[in-house]
Amino acid sequence: MAIEAQERPAVPPMRNEERLARARRRVAALKGFYIHLFVSALVLAGLAAVNVATGGPWWVLWVLLGWGIGVLAHALTVFGQTSRAIAAWEERKMREFMEEH
């Protein structure tokens, strides 16, 4: 018995627009994370150079710890489940505001 190929129904234009908007948000989130990571690496390298040049205790480690926590939190929101939850919340809020007006 041959299995008939099922045709997929045409995707409504709004759905494609929503997918495009989601893709744009995702790319923007990724771009923001990579910029954050790059800037933090540059600043920390500069601060480490200052710390080495001035001698004394390794105070730059405290900056590394604090900024590292920030970068880690940013990574979790971009790459983890939190990103999807935030996107779903944004979408719900946009629909609420659109229905108000």
N, C-alpha and C. Protein backbone atom coordinates (compact mmCIF):
# COMPACT_ATOMS: atom_id res chain seq x y z
N MET A 1 0.84 -1.16 0.00
CA MET A 1 0.00 0.00 0.00
C MET A 1 0.90 1.24 0.00
N ALA A 2 0.71 2.11 -0.93
CA ALA A 2 1.53 3.31 -1.03
C ALA A 2 1.01 4.39 -0.09
N ILE A 3 1.95 5.05 0.52
CA ILE A 3 1.57 6.14 1.42
C ILE A 3 1.50 7.41 0.58
N GLU A 4 0.36 8.04 0.64
CA GLU A 4 0.17 9.25 -0.14
C GLU A 4 0.87 10.42 0.53
N ALA A 5 1.50 11.21 -0.30
CA ALA A 5 2.17 12.40 0.23
C ALA A 5 1.11 13.43 0.62
N GLN A 6 1.20 13.88 1.83
CA GLN A 6 0.25 14.87 2.28
C GLN A 6 0.81 16.26 1.99
N GLU A 7 -0.02 17.07 1.41
CA GLU A 7 0.40 18.44 1.14
C GLU A 7 0.20 19.26 2.40
N ARG A 8 1.21 20.06 2.69
CA ARG A 8 1.09 20.95 3.83
C ARG A 8 0.26 22.15 3.43
N PRO A 9 -0.61 22.57 4.32
CA PRO A 9 -1.39 23.77 4.00
C PRO A 9 -0.47 24.98 3.92
N ALA A 10 -0.85 25.93 3.10
CA ALA A 10 -0.05 27.14 2.95
C ALA A 10 0.02 27.87 4.28
N VAL A 11 1.21 28.34 4.60
CA VAL A 11 1.40 29.07 5.84
C VAL A 11 0.89 30.49 5.65
N PRO A 12 0.01 30.93 6.53
CA PRO A 12 -0.50 32.29 6.38
C PRO A 12 0.64 33.30 6.48
N PRO A 13 0.52 34.44 5.78
CA PRO A 13 1.59 35.43 5.81
C PRO A 13 1.95 35.91 7.21
N MET A 14 0.99 36.03 8.08
CA MET A 14 1.27 36.49 9.43
C MET A 14 2.20 35.54 10.15
N ARG A 15 2.04 34.27 9.91
CA ARG A 15 2.89 33.28 10.55
C ARG A 15 4.34 33.45 10.10
N ASN A 16 4.54 33.70 8.81
CA ASN A 16 5.89 33.92 8.31
C ASN A 16 6.49 35.19 8.91
N GLU A 17 5.66 36.22 9.07
CA GLU A 17 6.14 37.46 9.68
C GLU A 17 6.53 37.23 11.14
N GLU A 18 5.74 36.44 11.83
CA GLU A 18 6.07 36.12 13.22
C GLU A 18 7.38 35.35 13.31
N ARG A 19 7.55 34.40 12.41
CA ARG A 19 8.79 33.62 12.42
C ARG A 19 9.99 34.51 12.11
N LEU A 20 9.82 35.44 11.19
CA LEU A 20 10.89 36.36 10.85
C LEU A 20 11.21 37.26 12.04
N ALA A 21 10.19 37.72 12.73
CA ALA A 21 10.40 38.57 13.91
C ALA A 21 11.13 37.79 15.00
N ARG A 22 10.75 36.53 15.20
CA ARG A 22 11.43 35.70 16.20
C ARG A 22 12.89 35.48 15.83
N ALA A 23 13.13 35.21 14.55
CA ALA A 23 14.51 35.00 14.10
C ALA A 23 15.34 36.26 14.30
N ARG A 24 14.75 37.41 14.01
CA ARG A 24 15.47 38.67 14.21
C ARG A 24 15.79 38.90 15.69
N ARG A 25 14.82 38.60 16.57
CA ARG A 25 15.08 38.76 18.00
C ARG A 25 16.18 37.83 18.46
N ARG A 26 16.16 36.60 17.95
CA ARG A 26 17.18 35.62 18.34
C ARG A 26 18.57 36.05 17.88
N VAL A 27 18.66 36.53 16.63
CA VAL A 27 19.95 37.00 16.12
C VAL A 27 20.42 38.21 16.92
N ALA A 28 19.51 39.12 17.26
CA ALA A 28 19.87 40.29 18.05
C ALA A 28 20.37 39.88 19.44
N ALA A 29 19.74 38.87 20.04
CA ALA A 29 20.17 38.38 21.34
C ALA A 29 21.56 37.75 21.25
N LEU A 30 21.79 36.96 20.22
CA LEU A 30 23.12 36.36 20.03
C LEU A 30 24.18 37.42 19.82
N LYS A 31 23.86 38.40 18.98
CA LYS A 31 24.81 39.48 18.70
C LYS A 31 25.13 40.24 20.00
N GLY A 32 24.11 40.53 20.78
CA GLY A 32 24.33 41.22 22.05
C GLY A 32 25.22 40.44 22.99
N PHE A 33 25.01 39.12 23.04
CA PHE A 33 25.85 38.30 23.91
C PHE A 33 27.30 38.30 23.44
N TYR A 34 27.54 38.13 22.14
CA TYR A 34 28.91 38.09 21.65
C TYR A 34 29.61 39.44 21.81
N ILE A 35 28.88 40.54 21.66
CA ILE A 35 29.48 41.85 21.91
C ILE A 35 29.85 41.97 23.39
N HIS A 36 28.96 41.56 24.26
CA HIS A 36 29.21 41.59 25.70
C HIS A 36 30.46 40.76 26.04
N LEU A 37 30.55 39.57 25.49
CA LEU A 37 31.69 38.69 25.74
C LEU A 37 32.99 39.32 25.25
N PHE A 38 32.97 39.88 24.03
CA PHE A 38 34.17 40.48 23.44
C PHE A 38 34.62 41.70 24.24
N VAL A 39 33.69 42.57 24.60
CA VAL A 39 34.04 43.77 25.37
C VAL A 39 34.58 43.39 26.74
N SER A 40 33.96 42.43 27.38
CA SER A 40 34.45 42.02 28.70
C SER A 40 35.85 41.44 28.60
N ALA A 41 36.13 40.66 27.56
CA ALA A 41 37.47 40.10 27.39
C ALA A 41 38.50 41.21 27.18
N LEU A 42 38.16 42.21 26.36
CA LEU A 42 39.09 43.33 26.12
C LEU A 42 39.35 44.13 27.39
N VAL A 43 38.30 44.48 28.09
CA VAL A 43 38.45 45.27 29.31
C VAL A 43 39.21 44.49 30.37
N LEU A 44 38.90 43.23 30.54
CA LEU A 44 39.59 42.42 31.54
C LEU A 44 41.07 42.24 31.19
N ALA A 45 41.37 42.12 29.89
CA ALA A 45 42.78 42.03 29.49
C ALA A 45 43.51 43.33 29.82
N GLY A 46 42.86 44.46 29.56
CA GLY A 46 43.47 45.74 29.91
C GLY A 46 43.65 45.90 31.40
N LEU A 47 42.65 45.54 32.17
CA LEU A 47 42.76 45.64 33.63
C LEU A 47 43.82 44.69 34.18
N ALA A 48 43.94 43.52 33.58
CA ALA A 48 44.98 42.57 34.01
C ALA A 48 46.36 43.16 33.72
N ALA A 49 46.52 43.82 32.57
CA ALA A 49 47.80 44.46 32.24
C ALA A 49 48.13 45.56 33.25
N VAL A 50 47.13 46.35 33.64
CA VAL A 50 47.34 47.39 34.65
C VAL A 50 47.71 46.76 35.98
N ASN A 51 47.04 45.68 36.34
CA ASN A 51 47.32 44.98 37.60
C ASN A 51 48.74 44.43 37.62
N VAL A 52 49.19 43.88 36.51
CA VAL A 52 50.56 43.36 36.43
C VAL A 52 51.56 44.51 36.50
N ALA A 53 51.27 45.60 35.80
CA ALA A 53 52.20 46.73 35.76
C ALA A 53 52.34 47.42 37.11
N THR A 54 51.26 47.48 37.86
CA THR A 54 51.31 48.18 39.14
C THR A 54 51.74 47.27 40.28
N GLY A 55 51.70 45.98 40.07
CA GLY A 55 52.09 45.03 41.12
C GLY A 55 51.03 44.96 42.20
N GLY A 56 51.38 44.35 43.27
CA GLY A 56 50.46 44.25 44.40
C GLY A 56 49.54 43.06 44.25
N PRO A 57 48.47 43.05 45.05
CA PRO A 57 47.54 41.91 45.02
C PRO A 57 46.76 41.86 43.70
N TRP A 58 46.23 40.71 43.42
CA TRP A 58 45.49 40.49 42.17
C TRP A 58 44.04 40.94 42.32
N TRP A 59 43.83 42.25 42.35
CA TRP A 59 42.49 42.81 42.47
C TRP A 59 41.64 42.55 41.22
N VAL A 60 42.32 42.32 40.08
CA VAL A 60 41.58 42.10 38.84
C VAL A 60 40.71 40.84 38.91
N LEU A 61 41.06 39.93 39.79
CA LEU A 61 40.26 38.71 39.94
C LEU A 61 38.85 39.03 40.42
N TRP A 62 38.68 40.07 41.24
CA TRP A 62 37.35 40.45 41.70
C TRP A 62 36.51 40.99 40.54
N VAL A 63 37.16 41.74 39.67
CA VAL A 63 36.46 42.24 38.48
C VAL A 63 36.08 41.07 37.58
N LEU A 64 37.01 40.14 37.41
CA LEU A 64 36.75 38.95 36.60
C LEU A 64 35.57 38.16 37.18
N LEU A 65 35.55 38.00 38.47
CA LEU A 65 34.45 37.26 39.11
C LEU A 65 33.11 37.96 38.88
N GLY A 66 33.06 39.25 39.15
CA GLY A 66 31.80 39.99 38.99
C GLY A 66 31.32 40.01 37.55
N TRP A 67 32.22 40.34 36.63
CA TRP A 67 31.84 40.43 35.22
C TRP A 67 31.55 39.03 34.66
N GLY A 68 32.28 38.04 35.15
CA GLY A 68 32.04 36.66 34.72
C GLY A 68 30.65 36.19 35.08
N ILE A 69 30.17 36.59 36.26
CA ILE A 69 28.80 36.24 36.66
C ILE A 69 27.80 36.90 35.71
N GLY A 70 28.07 38.14 35.34
CA GLY A 70 27.19 38.84 34.40
C GLY A 70 27.16 38.18 33.03
N VAL A 71 28.34 37.79 32.53
CA VAL A 71 28.41 37.12 31.23
C VAL A 71 27.72 35.76 31.30
N LEU A 72 27.91 35.05 32.39
CA LEU A 72 27.26 33.75 32.56
C LEU A 72 25.73 33.90 32.57
N ALA A 73 25.24 34.89 33.29
CA ALA A 73 23.79 35.13 33.32
C ALA A 73 23.28 35.49 31.92
N HIS A 74 24.03 36.29 31.20
CA HIS A 74 23.65 36.66 29.83
C HIS A 74 23.61 35.42 28.94
N ALA A 75 24.62 34.55 29.08
CA ALA A 75 24.66 33.32 28.28
C ALA A 75 23.47 32.42 28.58
N LEU A 76 23.11 32.33 29.85
CA LEU A 76 21.97 31.48 30.22
C LEU A 76 20.67 32.01 29.63
N THR A 77 20.52 33.33 29.57
CA THR A 77 19.29 33.88 29.00
C THR A 77 19.25 33.72 27.49
N VAL A 78 20.42 33.74 26.83
CA VAL A 78 20.45 33.62 25.37
C VAL A 78 20.38 32.17 24.93
N PHE A 79 21.13 31.28 25.59
CA PHE A 79 21.25 29.90 25.14
C PHE A 79 20.40 28.92 25.92
N GLY A 80 19.88 29.32 27.06
CA GLY A 80 19.13 28.39 27.90
C GLY A 80 17.63 28.49 27.70
N GLN A 81 16.89 27.85 28.56
CA GLN A 81 15.43 27.84 28.50
C GLN A 81 14.84 29.21 28.83
N THR A 82 15.61 30.01 29.56
CA THR A 82 15.13 31.33 29.94
C THR A 82 14.81 32.17 28.72
N SER A 83 15.60 32.00 27.66
CA SER A 83 15.38 32.76 26.44
C SER A 83 13.99 32.51 25.87
N ARG A 84 13.58 31.28 25.86
CA ARG A 84 12.25 30.94 25.33
C ARG A 84 11.14 31.50 26.22
N ALA A 85 11.36 31.44 27.52
CA ALA A 85 10.36 31.96 28.45
C ALA A 85 10.21 33.46 28.30
N ILE A 86 11.32 34.16 28.14
CA ILE A 86 11.28 35.61 27.95
C ILE A 86 10.59 35.95 26.62
N ALA A 87 10.92 35.21 25.58
CA ALA A 87 10.30 35.45 24.27
C ALA A 87 8.79 35.21 24.33
N ALA A 88 8.37 34.18 25.04
CA ALA A 88 6.94 33.90 25.17
C ALA A 88 6.25 35.01 25.96
N TRP A 89 6.90 35.50 27.01
CA TRP A 89 6.34 36.60 27.78
C TRP A 89 6.21 37.86 26.92
N GLU A 90 7.27 38.17 26.15
CA GLU A 90 7.23 39.34 25.27
C GLU A 90 6.06 39.24 24.28
N GLU A 91 5.90 38.06 23.72
CA GLU A 91 4.84 37.86 22.74
C GLU A 91 3.46 38.04 23.38
N ARG A 92 3.27 37.50 24.59
CA ARG A 92 2.00 37.67 25.29
C ARG A 92 1.72 39.14 25.57
N LYS A 93 2.74 39.85 26.02
CA LYS A 93 2.57 41.27 26.34
C LYS A 93 2.26 42.08 25.09
N MET A 94 2.92 41.79 23.98
CA MET A 94 2.64 42.51 22.74
C MET A 94 1.19 42.29 22.30
N ARG A 95 0.73 41.05 22.41
CA ARG A 95 -0.67 40.76 22.03
C ARG A 95 -1.65 41.49 22.94
N GLU A 96 -1.32 41.54 24.26
CA GLU A 96 -2.17 42.26 25.20
C GLU A 96 -2.27 43.74 24.81
N PHE A 97 -1.12 44.35 24.53
CA PHE A 97 -1.11 45.77 24.19
C PHE A 97 -1.80 46.02 22.85
N MET A 98 -1.67 45.10 21.93
CA MET A 98 -2.33 45.28 20.64
C MET A 98 -3.84 45.17 20.78
N GLU A 99 -4.30 44.34 21.68
CA GLU A 99 -5.75 44.18 21.90
C GLU A 99 -6.34 45.38 22.63
N GLU A 100 -5.53 46.10 23.42
CA GLU A 100 -6.01 47.26 24.16
C GLU A 100 -6.39 48.40 23.22
N HIS A 101 -5.65 48.57 22.15
CA HIS A 101 -5.85 49.73 21.29
C HIS A 101 -6.54 49.38 20.01
